Amino acid sequence: MEHKSVLVRQRARLEKARDALERARAPRPAPSPQARACPSDPDSRMMLGKHGGYLQGYNVQIVCARRQILLAIEAHDDPSDMTALVPMVERTQHNHQAAGLSGAIQLWLADSGYASTTAFETLADLPLLVSVTSEAHQAGFTTKRQHARGGQHVMADRLATPNGRAHYRQRSALVEPGFAQLFQRFGQRLNYRGHQAVDTELKLLGTVHNLNKLVKRTVRARA
């Protein structure tokens, strides 16, 4: 009986479900026996390519304010965005305070790749809206009912209100053009290797991006 095909299949499904549960409880993935390091840049990681396949590189994270002003830009050391939410919020708060900006940030928005029950608990005191189903559903563009994952129902209820949907619609217009403008101006390839050098290069690119915004706005104001 132990070798019956139906039992073998069900054991494999049970093992897969247990692995998925463990990954949900601890989002940071453990290296697999098939993991490989890049000898010329061991700090880099295998990233899922936008058009399929994998790329050796870095997971670049940005936080944008209105008009795509960057409040933070970082090289995240995990291919998954799920573990990036808390460190990016903390880095943004640090930059906000270091810049001497008055007042607190009024609203934080993130897509479903950042949805994490642990992160929601850590950031419970912040005005935070993170998609827990799909972008279209959370923004109110579709009425098809979708269910949130366990432990994320409070966030789902927050997004289901008229104000929640109206606020969340602003997300894509803030951050997506920010990435597009960075890629258009600087390309998608970095010139340096190693986390420290890459972090320095990213912050230089982010500074140039912000200065370009400031100069253009100043010129328009004087015209």
C-alpha atoms as a PDB file:
ATOM      1  CA  MET A   1       0.000   0.000   0.000  1.00  0.00           C
ATOM      2  CA  GLU A   2       2.878   2.391   0.753  1.00  0.00           C
ATOM      3  CA  HIS A   3       3.825   2.411  -2.923  1.00  0.00           C
ATOM      4  CA  LYS A   4       0.332   2.959  -4.319  1.00  0.00           C
ATOM      5  CA  SER A   5       0.450   5.831  -6.816  1.00  0.00           C
ATOM      6  CA  VAL A   6      -2.453   7.661  -5.159  1.00  0.00           C
ATOM      7  CA  LEU A   7      -0.652   7.607  -1.793  1.00  0.00           C
ATOM      8  CA  VAL A   8       2.606   8.787  -3.370  1.00  0.00           C
ATOM      9  CA  ARG A   9       0.789  11.703  -5.023  1.00  0.00           C
ATOM     10  CA  GLN A  10      -1.027  12.671  -1.825  1.00  0.00           C
ATOM     11  CA  ARG A  11       2.204  12.543   0.199  1.00  0.00           C
ATOM     12  CA  ALA A  12       3.853  14.824  -2.360  1.00  0.00           C
ATOM     13  CA  ARG A  13       0.902  17.260  -2.145  1.00  0.00           C
ATOM     14  CA  LEU A  14       1.067  17.221   1.675  1.00  0.00           C
ATOM     15  CA  GLU A  15       4.811  17.936   1.620  1.00  0.00           C
ATOM     16  CA  LYS A  16       4.293  20.776  -0.859  1.00  0.00           C
ATOM     17  CA  ALA A  17       1.549  22.268   1.334  1.00  0.00           C
ATOM     18  CA  ARG A  18       3.804  22.054   4.412  1.00  0.00           C
ATOM     19  CA  ASP A  19       6.619  23.807   2.524  1.00  0.00           C
ATOM     20  CA  ALA A  20       4.218  26.569   1.434  1.00  0.00           C
ATOM     21  CA  LEU A  21       3.016  27.012   5.023  1.00  0.00           C
ATOM     22  CA  GLU A  22       6.602  27.277   6.277  1.00  0.00           C
ATOM     23  CA  ARG A  23       7.446  29.856   3.595  1.00  0.00           C
ATOM     24  CA  ALA A  24       4.359  31.884   4.595  1.00  0.00           C
ATOM     25  CA  ARG A  25       5.409  31.811   8.251  1.00  0.00           C
ATOM     26  CA  ALA A  26       9.027  32.715   7.447  1.00  0.00           C
ATOM     27  CA  PRO A  27       9.061  34.615   4.106  1.00  0.00           C
ATOM     28  CA  ARG A  28      12.858  34.732   3.792  1.00  0.00           C
ATOM     29  CA  PRO A  29      13.606  31.639   1.645  1.00  0.00           C
ATOM     30  CA  ALA A  30      16.308  29.200   2.710  1.00  0.00           C
ATOM     31  CA  PRO A  31      18.981  28.359   0.106  1.00  0.00           C
ATOM     32  CA  SER A  32      18.146  25.205  -1.799  1.00  0.00           C
ATOM     33  CA  PRO A  33      20.682  22.462  -2.637  1.00  0.00           C
ATOM     34  CA  GLN A  34      20.535  23.756  -6.233  1.00  0.00           C
ATOM     35  CA  ALA A  35      21.481  27.320  -5.202  1.00  0.00           C
ATOM     36  CA  ARG A  36      24.492  28.795  -6.968  1.00  0.00           C
ATOM     37  CA  ALA A  37      26.624  31.842  -6.181  1.00  0.00           C
ATOM     38  CA  CYS A  38      27.985  34.332  -8.693  1.00  0.00           C
ATOM     39  CA  PRO A  39      31.822  34.254  -8.257  1.00  0.00           C
ATOM     40  CA  SER A  40      32.251  37.833  -9.536  1.00  0.00           C
ATOM     41  CA  ASP A  41      29.462  39.269  -7.338  1.00  0.00           C
ATOM     42  CA  PRO A  42      28.414  36.904  -4.518  1.00  0.00           C
ATOM     43  CA  ASP A  43      26.150  39.611  -3.032  1.00  0.00           C
ATOM     44  CA  SER A  44      23.841  39.472  -6.068  1.00  0.00           C
ATOM     45  CA  ARG A  45      20.864  37.109  -6.307  1.00  0.00           C
ATOM     46  CA  MET A  46      18.899  35.221  -8.940  1.00  0.00           C
ATOM     47  CA  MET A  47      15.889  37.393  -9.810  1.00  0.00           C
ATOM     48  CA  LEU A  48      12.817  36.403 -11.782  1.00  0.00           C
ATOM     49  CA  GLY A  49      12.933  38.201 -15.142  1.00  0.00           C
ATOM     50  CA  LYS A  50      10.027  40.385 -16.214  1.00  0.00           C
ATOM     51  CA  HIS A  51       9.629  38.406 -19.454  1.00  0.00           C
ATOM     52  CA  GLY A  52      10.402  34.995 -17.964  1.00  0.00           C
ATOM     53  CA  GLY A  53      13.605  33.275 -16.966  1.00  0.00           C
ATOM     54  CA  TYR A  54      16.058  34.515 -14.363  1.00  0.00           C
ATOM     55  CA  LEU A  55      18.609  37.320 -14.094  1.00  0.00           C
ATOM     56  CA  GLN A  56      21.612  37.688 -11.813  1.00  0.00           C
ATOM     57  CA  GLY A  57      21.236  41.017 -10.064  1.00  0.00           C
ATOM     58  CA  TYR A  58      19.628  43.012  -7.283  1.00  0.00           C
ATOM     59  CA  ASN A  59      16.090  43.702  -6.122  1.00  0.00           C
ATOM     60  CA  VAL A  60      15.890  47.501  -6.296  1.00  0.00           C
ATOM     61  CA  GLN A  61      13.317  49.064  -3.980  1.00  0.00           C
ATOM     62  CA  ILE A  62      12.104  52.666  -4.122  1.00  0.00           C
ATOM     63  CA  VAL A  63       9.666  54.815  -2.141  1.00  0.00           C
ATOM     64  CA  CYS A  64       8.102  57.652  -4.124  1.00  0.00           C
ATOM     65  CA  ALA A  65       6.265  60.756  -3.045  1.00  0.00           C
ATOM     66  CA  ARG A  66       4.194  62.871  -5.432  1.00  0.00           C
ATOM     67  CA  ARG A  67       5.776  63.710  -8.790  1.00  0.00           C
ATOM     68  CA  GLN A  68       8.035  60.672  -8.298  1.00  0.00           C
ATOM     69  CA  ILE A  69      10.358  62.364  -5.811  1.00  0.00           C
ATOM     70  CA  LEU A  70      12.347  59.525  -4.239  1.00  0.00           C
ATOM     71  CA  LEU A  71      12.222  59.277  -0.472  1.00  0.00           C
ATOM     72  CA  ALA A  72      14.332  56.104  -0.422  1.00  0.00           C
ATOM     73  CA  ILE A  73      16.148  53.803  -2.847  1.00  0.00           C
ATOM     74  CA  GLU A  74      17.745  50.563  -1.663  1.00  0.00           C
ATOM     75  CA  ALA A  75      19.179  47.275  -2.925  1.00  0.00           C
ATOM     76  CA  HIS A  76      17.119  44.585  -1.176  1.00  0.00           C
ATOM     77  CA  ASP A  77      18.962  41.289  -0.594  1.00  0.00           C
ATOM     78  CA  ASP A  78      15.898  39.066  -1.139  1.00  0.00           C
ATOM     79  CA  PRO A  79      14.263  38.315  -4.530  1.00  0.00           C
ATOM     80  CA  SER A  80      10.884  38.540  -2.764  1.00  0.00           C
ATOM     81  CA  ASP A  81       9.366  41.942  -1.973  1.00  0.00           C
ATOM     82  CA  MET A  82       7.516  40.521   1.029  1.00  0.00           C
ATOM     83  CA  THR A  83      10.359  41.135   3.479  1.00  0.00           C
ATOM     84  CA  ALA A  84      11.147  44.621   2.075  1.00  0.00           C
ATOM     85  CA  LEU A  85       8.169  46.558   3.450  1.00  0.00           C
ATOM     86  CA  VAL A  86       9.382  47.109   7.027  1.00  0.00           C
ATOM     87  CA  PRO A  87      13.008  48.015   6.145  1.00  0.00           C
ATOM     88  CA  MET A  88      11.867  50.397   3.390  1.00  0.00           C
ATOM     89  CA  VAL A  89       9.434  52.146   5.750  1.00  0.00           C
ATOM     90  CA  GLU A  90      12.189  52.472   8.367  1.00  0.00           C
ATOM     91  CA  ARG A  91      14.687  53.809   5.802  1.00  0.00           C
ATOM     92  CA  THR A  92      12.132  56.324   4.512  1.00  0.00           C
ATOM     93  CA  GLN A  93      11.382  57.540   8.026  1.00  0.00           C
ATOM     94  CA  HIS A  94      15.114  57.938   8.657  1.00  0.00           C
ATOM     95  CA  ASN A  95      15.592  59.933   5.430  1.00  0.00           C
ATOM     96  CA  HIS A  96      12.508  62.030   6.184  1.00  0.00           C
ATOM     97  CA  GLN A  97      13.883  62.965   9.597  1.00  0.00           C
ATOM     98  CA  ALA A  98      17.457  63.507   8.318  1.00  0.00           C
ATOM     99  CA  ALA A  99      16.146  65.895   5.635  1.00  0.00           C
ATOM    100  CA  GLY A 100      14.424  67.983   8.307  1.00  0.00           C
ATOM    101  CA  LEU A 101      10.992  67.611   6.704  1.00  0.00           C
ATOM    102  CA  SER A 102       8.128  68.710   8.914  1.00  0.00           C
ATOM    103  CA  GLY A 103       5.074  66.588   9.641  1.00  0.00           C
ATOM    104  CA  ALA A 104       4.581  62.840   9.344  1.00  0.00           C
ATOM    105  CA  ILE A 105       3.977  60.917   6.122  1.00  0.00           C
ATOM    106  CA  GLN A 106       0.208  60.851   5.698  1.00  0.00           C
ATOM    107  CA  LEU A 107      -0.243  57.542   3.860  1.00  0.00           C
ATOM    108  CA  TRP A 108       1.801  54.478   2.869  1.00  0.00           C
ATOM    109  CA  LEU A 109       0.798  52.449  -0.206  1.00  0.00           C
ATOM    110  CA  ALA A 110       2.195  49.124  -1.488  1.00  0.00           C
ATOM    111  CA  ASP A 111       1.120  46.379  -3.884  1.00  0.00           C
ATOM    112  CA  SER A 112       0.294  42.771  -3.044  1.00  0.00           C
ATOM    113  CA  GLY A 113       3.925  41.617  -3.347  1.00  0.00           C
ATOM    114  CA  TYR A 114       4.551  43.323   0.014  1.00  0.00           C
ATOM    115  CA  ALA A 115       1.573  41.769   1.818  1.00  0.00           C
ATOM    116  CA  SER A 116       2.803  40.099   4.998  1.00  0.00           C
ATOM    117  CA  THR A 117       0.921  39.528   8.229  1.00  0.00           C
ATOM    118  CA  THR A 118       4.157  40.008  10.183  1.00  0.00           C
ATOM    119  CA  ALA A 119       4.824  43.341   8.458  1.00  0.00           C
ATOM    120  CA  PHE A 120       1.241  44.492   9.093  1.00  0.00           C
ATOM    121  CA  GLU A 121       1.668  43.769  12.809  1.00  0.00           C
ATOM    122  CA  THR A 122       5.004  45.613  12.938  1.00  0.00           C
ATOM    123  CA  LEU A 123       3.581  48.664  11.136  1.00  0.00           C
ATOM    124  CA  ALA A 124       0.185  48.624  12.830  1.00  0.00           C
ATOM    125  CA  ASP A 125       0.521  52.239  14.005  1.00  0.00           C
ATOM    126  CA  LEU A 126       1.019  53.637  10.487  1.00  0.00           C
ATOM    127  CA  PRO A 127      -1.668  54.693   7.956  1.00  0.00           C
ATOM    128  CA  LEU A 128      -0.853  51.768   5.658  1.00  0.00           C
ATOM    129  CA  LEU A 129      -2.731  50.351   2.645  1.00  0.00           C
ATOM    130  CA  VAL A 130      -1.309  47.204   1.045  1.00  0.00           C
ATOM    131  CA  SER A 131      -3.158  45.145  -1.546  1.00  0.00           C
ATOM    132  CA  VAL A 132      -3.959  41.653  -0.270  1.00  0.00           C
ATOM    133  CA  THR A 133      -5.751  40.365  -3.369  1.00  0.00           C
ATOM    134  CA  SER A 134      -5.186  42.103  -6.692  1.00  0.00           C
ATOM    135  CA  GLU A 135      -4.511  45.674  -7.813  1.00  0.00           C
ATOM    136  CA  ALA A 136      -7.740  45.931  -9.823  1.00  0.00           C
ATOM    137  CA  HIS A 137      -9.859  44.532  -7.012  1.00  0.00           C
ATOM    138  CA  GLN A 138      -8.368  46.715  -4.267  1.00  0.00           C
ATOM    139  CA  ALA A 139      -8.650  49.854  -6.402  1.00  0.00           C
ATOM    140  CA  GLY A 140     -12.319  49.091  -7.080  1.00  0.00           C
ATOM    141  CA  PHE A 141     -11.935  48.499 -10.824  1.00  0.00           C
ATOM    142  CA  THR A 142     -13.543  45.057 -10.614  1.00  0.00           C
ATOM    143  CA  THR A 143     -16.414  43.821  -8.458  1.00  0.00           C
ATOM    144  CA  LYS A 144     -15.382  40.163  -8.650  1.00  0.00           C
ATOM    145  CA  ARG A 145     -15.116  38.904  -5.081  1.00  0.00           C
ATOM    146  CA  GLN A 146     -11.608  37.871  -4.025  1.00  0.00           C
ATOM    147  CA  HIS A 147     -10.552  36.499  -0.666  1.00  0.00           C
ATOM    148  CA  ALA A 148      -7.620  37.719   1.419  1.00  0.00           C
ATOM    149  CA  ARG A 149      -5.152  35.297   2.922  1.00  0.00           C
ATOM    150  CA  GLY A 150      -5.385  34.347   6.587  1.00  0.00           C
ATOM    151  CA  GLY A 151      -4.436  37.094   9.017  1.00  0.00           C
ATOM    152  CA  GLN A 152      -4.873  39.847   6.416  1.00  0.00           C
ATOM    153  CA  HIS A 153      -8.606  40.456   6.746  1.00  0.00           C
ATOM    154  CA  VAL A 154      -8.160  43.695   8.707  1.00  0.00           C
ATOM    155  CA  MET A 155      -6.156  45.160   5.821  1.00  0.00           C
ATOM    156  CA  ALA A 156      -8.742  43.838   3.343  1.00  0.00           C
ATOM    157  CA  ASP A 157     -11.541  45.545   5.301  1.00  0.00           C
ATOM    158  CA  ARG A 158      -9.560  48.812   5.354  1.00  0.00           C
ATOM    159  CA  LEU A 159      -9.177  48.683   1.578  1.00  0.00           C
ATOM    160  CA  ALA A 160     -12.826  47.784   1.018  1.00  0.00           C
ATOM    161  CA  THR A 161     -14.067  51.206   2.190  1.00  0.00           C
ATOM    162  CA  PRO A 162     -14.706  53.989  -0.374  1.00  0.00           C
ATOM    163  CA  ASN A 163     -11.835  56.022   1.086  1.00  0.00           C
ATOM    164  CA  GLY A 164      -9.561  52.996   1.064  1.00  0.00           C
ATOM    165  CA  ARG A 165     -10.212  52.309  -2.617  1.00  0.00           C
ATOM    166  CA  ALA A 166      -9.848  55.993  -3.554  1.00  0.00           C
ATOM    167  CA  HIS A 167      -6.525  56.293  -1.733  1.00  0.00           C
ATOM    168  CA  TYR A 168      -5.168  53.003  -3.064  1.00  0.00           C
ATOM    169  CA  ARG A 169      -5.809  54.083  -6.676  1.00  0.00           C
ATOM    170  CA  GLN A 170      -2.970  56.591  -6.243  1.00  0.00           C
ATOM    171  CA  ARG A 171      -0.328  53.868  -5.740  1.00  0.00           C
ATOM    172  CA  SER A 172       0.462  52.981  -9.346  1.00  0.00           C
ATOM    173  CA  ALA A 173       0.614  56.644 -10.403  1.00  0.00           C
ATOM    174  CA  LEU A 174       3.219  57.330  -7.719  1.00  0.00           C
ATOM    175  CA  VAL A 175       5.714  54.490  -7.899  1.00  0.00           C
ATOM    176  CA  GLU A 176       5.414  52.899 -11.364  1.00  0.00           C
ATOM    177  CA  PRO A 177       6.428  56.096 -13.232  1.00  0.00           C
ATOM    178  CA  GLY A 178       9.285  56.419 -10.743  1.00  0.00           C
ATOM    179  CA  PHE A 179      10.746  53.092 -11.878  1.00  0.00           C
ATOM    180  CA  ALA A 180      10.063  53.935 -15.535  1.00  0.00           C
ATOM    181  CA  GLN A 181      11.855  57.284 -15.266  1.00  0.00           C
ATOM    182  CA  LEU A 182      14.867  55.733 -13.534  1.00  0.00           C
ATOM    183  CA  PHE A 183      15.150  52.954 -16.124  1.00  0.00           C
ATOM    184  CA  GLN A 184      14.682  55.334 -19.046  1.00  0.00           C
ATOM    185  CA  ARG A 185      17.326  57.741 -17.758  1.00  0.00           C
ATOM    186  CA  PHE A 186      19.910  55.274 -16.419  1.00  0.00           C
ATOM    187  CA  GLY A 187      19.041  51.898 -17.979  1.00  0.00           C
ATOM    188  CA  GLN A 188      18.638  48.645 -16.053  1.00  0.00           C
ATOM    189  CA  ARG A 189      22.291  47.670 -15.709  1.00  0.00           C
ATOM    190  CA  LEU A 190      24.575  48.688 -12.864  1.00  0.00           C
ATOM    191  CA  ASN A 191      28.233  49.543 -13.330  1.00  0.00           C
ATOM    192  CA  TYR A 192      29.552  48.221 -10.011  1.00  0.00           C
ATOM    193  CA  ARG A 193      29.451  44.938  -8.139  1.00  0.00           C
ATOM    194  CA  GLY A 194      29.144  44.105  -4.485  1.00  0.00           C
ATOM    195  CA  HIS A 195      26.355  45.315  -2.201  1.00  0.00           C
ATOM    196  CA  GLN A 196      28.185  48.373  -0.850  1.00  0.00           C
ATOM    197  CA  ALA A 197      29.197  49.636  -4.306  1.00  0.00           C
ATOM    198  CA  VAL A 198      25.742  48.914  -5.744  1.00  0.00           C
ATOM    199  CA  ASP A 199      24.077  50.714  -2.821  1.00  0.00           C
ATOM    200  CA  THR A 200      26.301  53.762  -3.415  1.00  0.00           C
ATOM    201  CA  GLU A 201      25.547  53.745  -7.155  1.00  0.00           C
ATOM    202  CA  LEU A 202      21.793  53.475  -6.566  1.00  0.00           C
ATOM    203  CA  LYS A 203      21.805  56.383  -4.132  1.00  0.00           C
ATOM    204  CA  LEU A 204      23.800  58.479  -6.614  1.00  0.00           C
ATOM    205  CA  LEU A 205      21.248  57.704  -9.339  1.00  0.00           C
ATOM    206  CA  GLY A 206      18.413  58.532  -6.959  1.00  0.00           C
ATOM    207  CA  THR A 207      20.041  61.854  -6.048  1.00  0.00           C
ATOM    208  CA  VAL A 208      20.467  62.779  -9.727  1.00  0.00           C
ATOM    209  CA  HIS A 209      16.826  61.812 -10.339  1.00  0.00           C
ATOM    210  CA  ASN A 210      15.631  64.103  -7.526  1.00  0.00           C
ATOM    211  CA  LEU A 211      17.903  66.987  -8.574  1.00  0.00           C
ATOM    212  CA  ASN A 212      16.586  66.722 -12.121  1.00  0.00           C
ATOM    213  CA  LYS A 213      13.029  67.011 -10.778  1.00  0.00           C
ATOM    214  CA  LEU A 214      13.990  70.020  -8.655  1.00  0.00           C
ATOM    215  CA  VAL A 215      15.776  71.848 -11.469  1.00  0.00           C
ATOM    216  CA  LYS A 216      12.960  71.316 -13.951  1.00  0.00           C
ATOM    217  CA  ARG A 217      10.348  72.487 -11.453  1.00  0.00           C
ATOM    218  CA  THR A 218      12.445  75.599 -10.628  1.00  0.00           C
ATOM    219  CA  VAL A 219      12.839  76.475 -14.312  1.00  0.00           C
ATOM    220  CA  ARG A 220       9.081  76.099 -14.924  1.00  0.00           C
ATOM    221  CA  ALA A 221       8.309  78.258 -11.898  1.00  0.00           C
ATOM    222  CA  ARG A 222      10.564  81.066 -13.197  1.00  0.00           C
ATOM    223  CA  ALA A 223       9.283  80.876 -16.783  1.00  0.00           C
END
